[in-house]
Amino acid sequence: MKVYKNITELPKINNAIVTQGTFDGVHIAHQVILKQLKEIAQIKGGETVLITFDPHPRTVLFPEDHGLQLLNTPEEKISLLEQQGIDHLVVLPFTKEFSRLSSLDFIKNILIDAIGTKYLVIGYNHRFGKNREGSFEHLKDFAPTYGFEIFEISAQDLDEIAVSSTKIRSALLHGEVSLAARFLGKPYAIEGIVVQGRQLGRTIGYPTANIQIVNPLKLIPQDGVYAVWVWVQGEKFGGMLNIGQNPTVEGKGRSIEVNIFEFSESIYNQKISIQFVDKLRDEVKFNTIEELKSCLDMDKLQTLKVLSL
């Protein structure tokens, strides 16, 4: 997949088969659209082009909304779209000025002049352009004028899946990571850098890697204890992860800590990836360290069962 962060870098594409959207999560409804995109490209002998935006439009249009959290960082989204087999990814810088572009100007300037769109694939409820004025009907009206065909993913095809990025965010914020995985078609994942912690876990037999998330917009699931897969240096390990305040040992602020099974290497300053499999329990304040250790013993047994280890 070729990635373009400046649309002027995009070469001339014969038979450009195009779709557009934020594609946060690249979830199973997105995958229906991408499957249709690739099928049309195969039939028409064209190349697939996906247009997306950075930063997320809501961060520009509603800067006062500090609660926005995203399922993917820009880097994660690029990786997921590459896995879907897209030929060309165009990442348009989303600015206030760009948001004022009318739907007609978007069609003419971006879809036609810059990309040379021959076939456009969109969901039935897709909106675009200034004040979200553009729609499927709008595109259908202008398609003959500008010489492209439009393919709509029907309400039946998408509504039967009943998935949206908003639903997935809600599931994660309620700790329903297995539901989120069904919506995404894969486990929800976070990446972070391993940083120095208080090293209290090793004193009770459960050393943890403290993870610092670099992108502040990346959604972190609800506080609690989770069964997870951990990817370290390309290897996969089972583990159990805690998100929360560590109330038993008077933690200082929210932290993300993972106990990696059968692993004892020092990995400070390294990037690791976490895949959420299931939530085990809420975070609890125990009266003693002994009670905490006893519960961790049970958590590990449950995690081993969940992961079938």
C-alpha atoms as a PDB file:
ATOM      1  CA  MET A   1       0.000   0.000   0.000  1.00  0.00           C
ATOM      2  CA  LYS A   2       1.269   3.445  -0.920  1.00  0.00           C
ATOM      3  CA  VAL A   3       0.516   6.275   1.503  1.00  0.00           C
ATOM      4  CA  TYR A   4       0.194   9.925   0.438  1.00  0.00           C
ATOM      5  CA  LYS A   5       0.006  12.724   2.985  1.00  0.00           C
ATOM      6  CA  ASN A   6      -0.013  15.368   0.277  1.00  0.00           C
ATOM      7  CA  ILE A   7      -2.541  14.835  -2.474  1.00  0.00           C
ATOM      8  CA  THR A   8      -0.204  16.446  -5.015  1.00  0.00           C
ATOM      9  CA  GLU A   9       2.079  13.407  -4.602  1.00  0.00           C
ATOM     10  CA  LEU A  10      -0.618  11.053  -5.896  1.00  0.00           C
ATOM     11  CA  PRO A  11       0.277   9.757  -9.378  1.00  0.00           C
ATOM     12  CA  LYS A  12      -2.228   9.376 -12.178  1.00  0.00           C
ATOM     13  CA  ILE A  13      -4.288   6.265 -11.491  1.00  0.00           C
ATOM     14  CA  ASN A  14      -6.112   4.428 -14.230  1.00  0.00           C
ATOM     15  CA  ASN A  15      -9.575   3.313 -13.153  1.00  0.00           C
ATOM     16  CA  ALA A  16      -9.425   4.693  -9.624  1.00  0.00           C
ATOM     17  CA  ILE A  17     -11.920   2.818  -7.401  1.00  0.00           C
ATOM     18  CA  VAL A  18     -12.426   5.178  -4.444  1.00  0.00           C
ATOM     19  CA  THR A  19     -14.002   5.298  -1.010  1.00  0.00           C
ATOM     20  CA  GLN A  20     -13.703   7.882   1.750  1.00  0.00           C
ATOM     21  CA  GLY A  21     -14.273   8.282   5.485  1.00  0.00           C
ATOM     22  CA  THR A  22     -12.607   8.404   8.889  1.00  0.00           C
ATOM     23  CA  PHE A  23     -12.464   4.584   9.213  1.00  0.00           C
ATOM     24  CA  ASP A  24     -11.708   4.724  12.944  1.00  0.00           C
ATOM     25  CA  GLY A  25     -11.285   1.124  14.073  1.00  0.00           C
ATOM     26  CA  VAL A  26     -11.497  -0.377  10.553  1.00  0.00           C
ATOM     27  CA  HIS A  27     -14.325  -2.480  12.022  1.00  0.00           C
ATOM     28  CA  ILE A  28     -16.450  -5.140  10.357  1.00  0.00           C
ATOM     29  CA  ALA A  29     -18.851  -2.640   8.726  1.00  0.00           C
ATOM     30  CA  HIS A  30     -15.842  -0.807   7.271  1.00  0.00           C
ATOM     31  CA  GLN A  31     -14.578  -4.154   6.045  1.00  0.00           C
ATOM     32  CA  VAL A  32     -17.828  -4.700   4.105  1.00  0.00           C
ATOM     33  CA  ILE A  33     -17.170  -1.442   2.242  1.00  0.00           C
ATOM     34  CA  LEU A  34     -13.534  -2.340   1.610  1.00  0.00           C
ATOM     35  CA  LYS A  35     -14.496  -5.808   0.343  1.00  0.00           C
ATOM     36  CA  GLN A  36     -16.882  -4.204  -2.161  1.00  0.00           C
ATOM     37  CA  LEU A  37     -14.170  -1.725  -3.149  1.00  0.00           C
ATOM     38  CA  LYS A  38     -11.690  -4.516  -3.905  1.00  0.00           C
ATOM     39  CA  GLU A  39     -14.266  -6.620  -5.773  1.00  0.00           C
ATOM     40  CA  ILE A  40     -15.120  -3.718  -8.072  1.00  0.00           C
ATOM     41  CA  ALA A  41     -11.420  -3.024  -8.646  1.00  0.00           C
ATOM     42  CA  GLN A  42     -10.915  -6.646  -9.658  1.00  0.00           C
ATOM     43  CA  ILE A  43     -13.877  -6.600 -12.046  1.00  0.00           C
ATOM     44  CA  LYS A  44     -12.991  -3.231 -13.580  1.00  0.00           C
ATOM     45  CA  GLY A  45      -9.241  -3.761 -13.643  1.00  0.00           C
ATOM     46  CA  GLY A  46      -8.660  -0.719 -11.435  1.00  0.00           C
ATOM     47  CA  GLU A  47      -6.752   0.261  -8.312  1.00  0.00           C
ATOM     48  CA  THR A  48      -8.304   0.933  -4.910  1.00  0.00           C
ATOM     49  CA  VAL A  49      -7.957   4.373  -3.322  1.00  0.00           C
ATOM     50  CA  LEU A  50      -9.072   5.218   0.215  1.00  0.00           C
ATOM     51  CA  ILE A  51      -9.369   8.848   1.328  1.00  0.00           C
ATOM     52  CA  THR A  52      -9.198   9.528   5.041  1.00  0.00           C
ATOM     53  CA  PHE A  53      -8.358  12.494   7.270  1.00  0.00           C
ATOM     54  CA  ASP A  54      -5.851  13.537   9.923  1.00  0.00           C
ATOM     55  CA  PRO A  55      -6.509  14.807  12.483  1.00  0.00           C
ATOM     56  CA  HIS A  56      -9.946  13.353  13.103  1.00  0.00           C
ATOM     57  CA  PRO A  57     -12.523  15.932  11.872  1.00  0.00           C
ATOM     58  CA  ARG A  58     -14.201  16.184  15.296  1.00  0.00           C
ATOM     59  CA  THR A  59     -10.977  17.470  16.900  1.00  0.00           C
ATOM     60  CA  VAL A  60     -11.040  20.388  14.452  1.00  0.00           C
ATOM     61  CA  LEU A  61     -14.776  21.071  14.299  1.00  0.00           C
ATOM     62  CA  PHE A  62     -15.386  20.653  18.038  1.00  0.00           C
ATOM     63  CA  PRO A  63     -12.089  21.532  19.793  1.00  0.00           C
ATOM     64  CA  GLU A  64     -13.987  22.123  23.026  1.00  0.00           C
ATOM     65  CA  ASP A  65     -14.919  18.419  23.100  1.00  0.00           C
ATOM     66  CA  HIS A  66     -11.993  17.169  25.156  1.00  0.00           C
ATOM     67  CA  GLY A  67     -13.626  13.783  25.673  1.00  0.00           C
ATOM     68  CA  LEU A  68     -12.999  12.465  22.171  1.00  0.00           C
ATOM     69  CA  GLN A  69     -11.106   9.166  22.212  1.00  0.00           C
ATOM     70  CA  LEU A  70     -10.135   7.201  19.123  1.00  0.00           C
ATOM     71  CA  LEU A  71      -9.901   3.494  18.435  1.00  0.00           C
ATOM     72  CA  ASN A  72      -6.791   3.938  16.295  1.00  0.00           C
ATOM     73  CA  THR A  73      -3.793   6.201  16.202  1.00  0.00           C
ATOM     74  CA  PRO A  74      -2.954   7.372  12.657  1.00  0.00           C
ATOM     75  CA  GLU A  75      -0.136   4.804  12.511  1.00  0.00           C
ATOM     76  CA  GLU A  76      -2.429   1.977  13.631  1.00  0.00           C
ATOM     77  CA  LYS A  77      -5.053   2.907  11.039  1.00  0.00           C
ATOM     78  CA  ILE A  78      -2.470   2.870   8.264  1.00  0.00           C
ATOM     79  CA  SER A  79      -1.338  -0.600   9.358  1.00  0.00           C
ATOM     80  CA  LEU A  80      -4.909  -1.949   9.521  1.00  0.00           C
ATOM     81  CA  LEU A  81      -5.786  -0.579   6.080  1.00  0.00           C
ATOM     82  CA  GLU A  82      -2.637  -2.091   4.630  1.00  0.00           C
ATOM     83  CA  GLN A  83      -3.747  -5.450   6.051  1.00  0.00           C
ATOM     84  CA  GLN A  84      -7.034  -4.987   4.176  1.00  0.00           C
ATOM     85  CA  GLY A  85      -5.147  -4.869   0.872  1.00  0.00           C
ATOM     86  CA  ILE A  86      -5.786  -1.269  -0.181  1.00  0.00           C
ATOM     87  CA  ASP A  87      -3.553  -0.022  -3.033  1.00  0.00           C
ATOM     88  CA  HIS A  88      -3.439   3.714  -2.266  1.00  0.00           C
ATOM     89  CA  LEU A  89      -4.169   5.581   0.976  1.00  0.00           C
ATOM     90  CA  VAL A  90      -4.621   9.350   0.785  1.00  0.00           C
ATOM     91  CA  VAL A  91      -4.466  11.079   4.180  1.00  0.00           C
ATOM     92  CA  LEU A  92      -5.905  14.572   3.754  1.00  0.00           C
ATOM     93  CA  PRO A  93      -4.969  17.187   6.376  1.00  0.00           C
ATOM     94  CA  PHE A  94      -8.251  18.212   7.998  1.00  0.00           C
ATOM     95  CA  THR A  95      -8.298  21.921   8.837  1.00  0.00           C
ATOM     96  CA  LYS A  96     -10.943  24.586   9.455  1.00  0.00           C
ATOM     97  CA  GLU A  97     -10.386  25.786   5.908  1.00  0.00           C
ATOM     98  CA  PHE A  98     -10.824  22.301   4.508  1.00  0.00           C
ATOM     99  CA  SER A  99     -14.042  21.858   6.515  1.00  0.00           C
ATOM    100  CA  ARG A 100     -15.551  24.799   4.604  1.00  0.00           C
ATOM    101  CA  LEU A 101     -15.090  23.036   1.267  1.00  0.00           C
ATOM    102  CA  SER A 102     -18.513  22.520  -0.297  1.00  0.00           C
ATOM    103  CA  SER A 103     -19.572  19.045  -1.319  1.00  0.00           C
ATOM    104  CA  LEU A 104     -19.478  20.097  -4.973  1.00  0.00           C
ATOM    105  CA  ASP A 105     -15.932  21.463  -4.618  1.00  0.00           C
ATOM    106  CA  PHE A 106     -14.899  18.244  -2.861  1.00  0.00           C
ATOM    107  CA  ILE A 107     -16.246  16.212  -5.777  1.00  0.00           C
ATOM    108  CA  LYS A 108     -14.573  18.395  -8.411  1.00  0.00           C
ATOM    109  CA  ASN A 109     -11.279  19.285  -6.693  1.00  0.00           C
ATOM    110  CA  ILE A 110     -10.535  16.077  -4.819  1.00  0.00           C
ATOM    111  CA  LEU A 111     -12.434  13.179  -6.355  1.00  0.00           C
ATOM    112  CA  ILE A 112     -12.119  14.231  -9.997  1.00  0.00           C
ATOM    113  CA  ASP A 113      -9.210  16.643 -10.538  1.00  0.00           C
ATOM    114  CA  ALA A 114      -6.788  15.212  -7.971  1.00  0.00           C
ATOM    115  CA  ILE A 115      -7.673  11.504  -8.013  1.00  0.00           C
ATOM    116  CA  GLY A 116      -9.495  10.904 -11.269  1.00  0.00           C
ATOM    117  CA  THR A 117     -12.243   8.829  -9.654  1.00  0.00           C
ATOM    118  CA  LYS A 118     -14.001   6.411 -12.009  1.00  0.00           C
ATOM    119  CA  TYR A 119     -15.973   4.457  -9.414  1.00  0.00           C
ATOM    120  CA  LEU A 120     -16.981   5.637  -5.933  1.00  0.00           C
ATOM    121  CA  VAL A 121     -18.078   3.229  -3.182  1.00  0.00           C
ATOM    122  CA  ILE A 122     -19.820   4.625  -0.079  1.00  0.00           C
ATOM    123  CA  GLY A 123     -22.201   3.563   2.671  1.00  0.00           C
ATOM    124  CA  TYR A 124     -25.834   4.597   2.341  1.00  0.00           C
ATOM    125  CA  ASN A 125     -25.550   7.069   5.249  1.00  0.00           C
ATOM    126  CA  HIS A 126     -22.245   8.691   4.296  1.00  0.00           C
ATOM    127  CA  ARG A 127     -22.106  12.504   4.550  1.00  0.00           C
ATOM    128  CA  PHE A 128     -19.358  14.868   3.434  1.00  0.00           C
ATOM    129  CA  GLY A 129     -18.543  18.486   2.584  1.00  0.00           C
ATOM    130  CA  LYS A 130     -19.370  21.715   4.409  1.00  0.00           C
ATOM    131  CA  ASN A 131     -21.992  21.144   7.121  1.00  0.00           C
ATOM    132  CA  ARG A 132     -22.207  17.511   5.943  1.00  0.00           C
ATOM    133  CA  GLU A 133     -24.320  18.672   3.018  1.00  0.00           C
ATOM    134  CA  GLY A 134     -23.099  15.947   0.654  1.00  0.00           C
ATOM    135  CA  SER A 135     -24.952  12.626   0.473  1.00  0.00           C
ATOM    136  CA  PHE A 136     -25.456   9.620  -1.782  1.00  0.00           C
ATOM    137  CA  GLU A 137     -28.249  11.437  -3.635  1.00  0.00           C
ATOM    138  CA  HIS A 138     -25.978  14.455  -4.078  1.00  0.00           C
ATOM    139  CA  LEU A 139     -23.219  12.276  -5.540  1.00  0.00           C
ATOM    140  CA  LYS A 140     -25.675  10.461  -7.800  1.00  0.00           C
ATOM    141  CA  ASP A 141     -26.824  13.787  -9.241  1.00  0.00           C
ATOM    142  CA  PHE A 142     -23.293  14.855 -10.174  1.00  0.00           C
ATOM    143  CA  ALA A 143     -21.885  11.479 -11.255  1.00  0.00           C
ATOM    144  CA  PRO A 144     -22.960  11.808 -14.926  1.00  0.00           C
ATOM    145  CA  THR A 145     -21.558  15.344 -15.123  1.00  0.00           C
ATOM    146  CA  TYR A 146     -18.117  14.310 -13.928  1.00  0.00           C
ATOM    147  CA  GLY A 147     -18.003  10.878 -15.499  1.00  0.00           C
ATOM    148  CA  PHE A 148     -17.887   8.500 -12.542  1.00  0.00           C
ATOM    149  CA  GLU A 149     -20.132   5.696 -11.329  1.00  0.00           C
ATOM    150  CA  ILE A 150     -21.318   5.373  -7.754  1.00  0.00           C
ATOM    151  CA  PHE A 151     -21.904   2.183  -5.781  1.00  0.00           C
ATOM    152  CA  GLU A 152     -23.886   2.378  -2.566  1.00  0.00           C
ATOM    153  CA  ILE A 153     -23.515  -0.117   0.282  1.00  0.00           C
ATOM    154  CA  SER A 154     -27.174  -0.584   1.207  1.00  0.00           C
ATOM    155  CA  ALA A 155     -28.801   0.033   4.547  1.00  0.00           C
ATOM    156  CA  GLN A 156     -29.609  -3.684   4.735  1.00  0.00           C
ATOM    157  CA  ASP A 157     -25.976  -4.691   4.246  1.00  0.00           C
ATOM    158  CA  LEU A 158     -24.695  -2.299   6.924  1.00  0.00           C
ATOM    159  CA  ASP A 159     -27.601  -2.216   9.391  1.00  0.00           C
ATOM    160  CA  GLU A 160     -27.644  -6.006   9.699  1.00  0.00           C
ATOM    161  CA  ILE A 161     -24.117  -5.733  11.093  1.00  0.00           C
ATOM    162  CA  ALA A 162     -25.265  -2.992  13.485  1.00  0.00           C
ATOM    163  CA  VAL A 163     -21.739  -1.758  14.136  1.00  0.00           C
ATOM    164  CA  SER A 164     -20.289   1.726  14.449  1.00  0.00           C
ATOM    165  CA  SER A 165     -17.137   3.238  15.894  1.00  0.00           C
ATOM    166  CA  THR A 166     -19.339   4.891  18.532  1.00  0.00           C
ATOM    167  CA  LYS A 167     -20.747   1.515  19.650  1.00  0.00           C
ATOM    168  CA  ILE A 168     -17.247   0.083  19.915  1.00  0.00           C
ATOM    169  CA  ARG A 169     -16.023   3.032  21.990  1.00  0.00           C
ATOM    170  CA  SER A 170     -19.001   2.576  24.319  1.00  0.00           C
ATOM    171  CA  ALA A 171     -18.300  -1.143  24.721  1.00  0.00           C
ATOM    172  CA  LEU A 172     -14.663  -0.505  25.614  1.00  0.00           C
ATOM    173  CA  LEU A 173     -15.544   2.235  28.090  1.00  0.00           C
ATOM    174  CA  HIS A 174     -17.809  -0.290  29.827  1.00  0.00           C
ATOM    175  CA  GLY A 175     -15.087  -2.957  29.869  1.00  0.00           C
ATOM    176  CA  GLU A 176     -16.874  -5.104  27.267  1.00  0.00           C
ATOM    177  CA  VAL A 177     -13.699  -5.930  25.350  1.00  0.00           C
ATOM    178  CA  SER A 178     -14.976  -9.262  23.984  1.00  0.00           C
ATOM    179  CA  LEU A 179     -17.987  -7.451  22.462  1.00  0.00           C
ATOM    180  CA  ALA A 180     -15.654  -4.832  20.999  1.00  0.00           C
ATOM    181  CA  ALA A 181     -13.568  -7.624  19.478  1.00  0.00           C
ATOM    182  CA  ARG A 182     -16.650  -9.045  17.725  1.00  0.00           C
ATOM    183  CA  PHE A 183     -17.442  -5.604  16.312  1.00  0.00           C
ATOM    184  CA  LEU A 184     -13.841  -5.020  15.232  1.00  0.00           C
ATOM    185  CA  GLY A 185     -13.280  -8.504  13.872  1.00  0.00           C
ATOM    186  CA  LYS A 186     -10.143  -8.692  16.025  1.00  0.00           C
ATOM    187  CA  PRO A 187      -9.129  -7.949  19.631  1.00  0.00           C
ATOM    188  CA  TYR A 188      -8.869  -4.295  20.584  1.00  0.00           C
ATOM    189  CA  ALA A 189      -5.211  -3.320  20.926  1.00  0.00           C
ATOM    190  CA  ILE A 190      -3.093  -0.601  22.486  1.00  0.00           C
ATOM    191  CA  GLU A 191       0.600   0.134  22.103  1.00  0.00           C
ATOM    192  CA  GLY A 192       2.882   1.883  24.534  1.00  0.00           C
ATOM    193  CA  ILE A 193       6.382   2.344  25.841  1.00  0.00           C
ATOM    194  CA  VAL A 194       7.516   0.423  28.942  1.00  0.00           C
ATOM    195  CA  VAL A 195       8.547   2.912  31.635  1.00  0.00           C
ATOM    196  CA  GLN A 196       9.956   2.693  35.148  1.00  0.00           C
ATOM    197  CA  GLY A 197       7.324   1.973  37.801  1.00  0.00           C
ATOM    198  CA  ARG A 198       7.335   1.578  41.583  1.00  0.00           C
ATOM    199  CA  GLN A 199       8.374  -2.087  41.205  1.00  0.00           C
ATOM    200  CA  LEU A 200       5.967  -3.215  43.933  1.00  0.00           C
ATOM    201  CA  GLY A 201       4.607  -6.099  41.875  1.00  0.00           C
ATOM    202  CA  ARG A 202       7.854  -8.030  41.933  1.00  0.00           C
ATOM    203  CA  THR A 203       7.798  -8.071  45.734  1.00  0.00           C
ATOM    204  CA  ILE A 204       4.655 -10.260  45.670  1.00  0.00           C
ATOM    205  CA  GLY A 205       5.624 -12.417  42.697  1.00  0.00           C
ATOM    206  CA  TYR A 206       3.797 -10.435  40.008  1.00  0.00           C
ATOM    207  CA  PRO A 207       6.277  -8.069  38.320  1.00  0.00           C
ATOM    208  CA  THR A 208       4.601  -5.719  35.880  1.00  0.00           C
ATOM    209  CA  ALA A 209       5.579  -3.672  32.874  1.00  0.00           C
ATOM    210  CA  ASN A 210       4.231  -0.129  33.225  1.00  0.00           C
ATOM    211  CA  ILE A 211       2.950   1.134  29.891  1.00  0.00           C
ATOM    212  CA  GLN A 212       2.913   4.749  28.796  1.00  0.00           C
ATOM    213  CA  ILE A 213       0.507   5.520  25.950  1.00  0.00           C
ATOM    214  CA  VAL A 214       2.008   8.115  23.624  1.00  0.00           C
ATOM    215  CA  ASN A 215      -1.113   9.392  21.833  1.00  0.00           C
ATOM    216  CA  PRO A 216      -3.471  11.142  24.319  1.00  0.00           C
ATOM    217  CA  LEU A 217      -6.505  10.504  22.067  1.00  0.00           C
ATOM    218  CA  LYS A 218      -6.084   6.720  22.119  1.00  0.00           C
ATOM    219  CA  LEU A 219      -9.025   5.126  23.937  1.00  0.00           C
ATOM    220  CA  ILE A 220      -8.126   3.172  27.069  1.00  0.00           C
ATOM    221  CA  PRO A 221     -10.762   0.652  28.226  1.00  0.00           C
ATOM    222  CA  GLN A 222     -12.586   0.881  31.546  1.00  0.00           C
ATOM    223  CA  ASP A 223     -10.526   0.444  34.717  1.00  0.00           C
ATOM    224  CA  GLY A 224     -10.196  -3.165  35.779  1.00  0.00           C
ATOM    225  CA  VAL A 225      -8.234  -6.387  35.375  1.00  0.00           C
ATOM    226  CA  TYR A 226      -8.063  -8.045  31.955  1.00  0.00           C
ATOM    227  CA  ALA A 227      -6.820 -11.221  30.312  1.00  0.00           C
ATOM    228  CA  VAL A 228      -4.588 -10.095  27.453  1.00  0.00           C
ATOM    229  CA  TRP A 229      -2.129 -11.133  24.814  1.00  0.00           C
ATOM    230  CA  VAL A 230       1.166  -9.246  24.899  1.00  0.00           C
ATOM    231  CA  TRP A 231       3.443  -8.786  21.900  1.00  0.00           C
ATOM    232  CA  VAL A 232       7.080  -8.151  22.793  1.00  0.00           C
ATOM    233  CA  GLN A 233       9.769  -8.008  20.112  1.00  0.00           C
ATOM    234  CA  GLY A 234       7.542  -9.951  17.734  1.00  0.00           C
ATOM    235  CA  GLU A 235       6.752 -12.719  20.250  1.00  0.00           C
ATOM    236  CA  LYS A 236       3.341 -13.408  21.756  1.00  0.00           C
ATOM    237  CA  PHE A 237       2.844 -13.997  25.482  1.00  0.00           C
ATOM    238  CA  GLY A 238      -0.170 -14.388  27.731  1.00  0.00           C
ATOM    239  CA  GLY A 239      -0.660 -11.885  30.515  1.00  0.00           C
ATOM    240  CA  MET A 240      -2.995 -10.097  32.869  1.00  0.00           C
ATOM    241  CA  LEU A 241      -3.298  -6.342  32.839  1.00  0.00           C
ATOM    242  CA  ASN A 242      -4.542  -3.798  35.350  1.00  0.00           C
ATOM    243  CA  ILE A 243      -5.892  -0.379  34.430  1.00  0.00           C
ATOM    244  CA  GLY A 244      -6.619   1.937  37.321  1.00  0.00           C
ATOM    245  CA  GLN A 245      -5.422   3.719  40.419  1.00  0.00           C
ATOM    246  CA  ASN A 246      -3.790   0.818  42.349  1.00  0.00           C
ATOM    247  CA  PRO A 247      -5.763   1.732  45.491  1.00  0.00           C
ATOM    248  CA  THR A 248      -4.324  -1.049  47.672  1.00  0.00           C
ATOM    249  CA  VAL A 249      -0.811   0.401  47.420  1.00  0.00           C
ATOM    250  CA  GLU A 250      -1.960   4.045  47.179  1.00  0.00           C
ATOM    251  CA  GLY A 251      -1.199   4.521  43.520  1.00  0.00           C
ATOM    252  CA  LYS A 252      -0.612   7.990  42.171  1.00  0.00           C
ATOM    253  CA  GLY A 253      -2.860   8.509  39.168  1.00  0.00           C
ATOM    254  CA  ARG A 254      -4.204   6.136  36.542  1.00  0.00           C
ATOM    255  CA  SER A 255      -1.738   3.542  35.334  1.00  0.00           C
ATOM    256  CA  ILE A 256      -1.597   0.600  32.911  1.00  0.00           C
ATOM    257  CA  GLU A 257       0.435  -2.373  34.135  1.00  0.00           C
ATOM    258  CA  VAL A 258       0.782  -5.847  32.654  1.00  0.00           C
ATOM    259  CA  ASN A 259       2.153  -9.017  34.190  1.00  0.00           C
ATOM    260  CA  ILE A 260       3.622 -11.016  31.295  1.00  0.00           C
ATOM    261  CA  PHE A 261       3.578 -14.776  31.834  1.00  0.00           C
ATOM    262  CA  GLU A 262       6.817 -16.726  31.472  1.00  0.00           C
ATOM    263  CA  PHE A 263       8.798 -13.549  30.801  1.00  0.00           C
ATOM    264  CA  SER A 264      11.609 -12.008  32.829  1.00  0.00           C
ATOM    265  CA  GLU A 265      13.605  -9.778  30.457  1.00  0.00           C
ATOM    266  CA  SER A 266      14.186  -6.060  31.014  1.00  0.00           C
ATOM    267  CA  ILE A 267      12.231  -4.165  28.356  1.00  0.00           C
ATOM    268  CA  TYR A 268      12.379  -0.577  29.583  1.00  0.00           C
ATOM    269  CA  ASN A 269      11.935   2.000  26.793  1.00  0.00           C
ATOM    270  CA  GLN A 270      10.693  -0.660  24.388  1.00  0.00           C
ATOM    271  CA  LYS A 271       7.341  -0.597  22.611  1.00  0.00           C
ATOM    272  CA  ILE A 272       4.932  -3.422  23.374  1.00  0.00           C
ATOM    273  CA  SER A 273       1.437  -4.177  22.101  1.00  0.00           C
ATOM    274  CA  ILE A 274      -1.518  -5.384  24.175  1.00  0.00           C
ATOM    275  CA  GLN A 275      -4.580  -7.210  22.812  1.00  0.00           C
ATOM    276  CA  PHE A 276      -7.606  -7.315  25.139  1.00  0.00           C
ATOM    277  CA  VAL A 277      -9.335 -10.700  25.351  1.00  0.00           C
ATOM    278  CA  ASP A 278     -11.724 -10.472  28.319  1.00  0.00           C
ATOM    279  CA  LYS A 279     -12.346  -8.478  31.482  1.00  0.00           C
ATOM    280  CA  LEU A 280     -11.810 -10.483  34.664  1.00  0.00           C
ATOM    281  CA  ARG A 281     -13.042  -8.069  37.328  1.00  0.00           C
ATOM    282  CA  ASP A 282     -13.200  -4.475  38.489  1.00  0.00           C
ATOM    283  CA  GLU A 283     -10.286  -2.928  40.337  1.00  0.00           C
ATOM    284  CA  VAL A 284     -10.653  -3.487  44.099  1.00  0.00           C
ATOM    285  CA  LYS A 285      -9.009  -2.001  47.172  1.00  0.00           C
ATOM    286  CA  PHE A 286      -7.828  -4.814  49.434  1.00  0.00           C
ATOM    287  CA  ASN A 287      -7.219  -4.507  53.154  1.00  0.00           C
ATOM    288  CA  THR A 288      -3.808  -6.181  52.995  1.00  0.00           C
ATOM    289  CA  ILE A 289      -1.108  -7.058  50.477  1.00  0.00           C
ATOM    290  CA  GLU A 290      -1.762 -10.728  51.271  1.00  0.00           C
ATOM    291  CA  GLU A 291      -5.393 -10.342  50.135  1.00  0.00           C
ATOM    292  CA  LEU A 292      -4.178  -8.660  46.950  1.00  0.00           C
ATOM    293  CA  LYS A 293      -1.729 -11.499  46.229  1.00  0.00           C
ATOM    294  CA  SER A 294      -4.398 -14.120  46.850  1.00  0.00           C
ATOM    295  CA  CYS A 295      -6.718 -12.412  44.366  1.00  0.00           C
ATOM    296  CA  LEU A 296      -3.909 -12.124  41.802  1.00  0.00           C
ATOM    297  CA  ASP A 297      -3.342 -15.867  42.126  1.00  0.00           C
ATOM    298  CA  MET A 298      -7.000 -16.437  41.228  1.00  0.00           C
ATOM    299  CA  ASP A 299      -6.809 -13.858  38.433  1.00  0.00           C
ATOM    300  CA  LYS A 300      -3.897 -15.739  36.895  1.00  0.00           C
ATOM    301  CA  LEU A 301      -5.761 -19.054  36.992  1.00  0.00           C
ATOM    302  CA  GLN A 302      -8.754 -17.435  35.337  1.00  0.00           C
ATOM    303  CA  THR A 303      -6.534 -15.765  32.715  1.00  0.00           C
ATOM    304  CA  LEU A 304      -4.844 -19.053  31.859  1.00  0.00           C
ATOM    305  CA  LYS A 305      -8.311 -20.550  31.352  1.00  0.00           C
ATOM    306  CA  VAL A 306      -9.526 -17.635  29.207  1.00  0.00           C
ATOM    307  CA  LEU A 307      -6.395 -17.785  27.027  1.00  0.00           C
ATOM    308  CA  SER A 308      -6.433 -21.618  26.979  1.00  0.00           C
ATOM    309  CA  LEU A 309      -2.840 -21.742  28.192  1.00  0.00           C
END
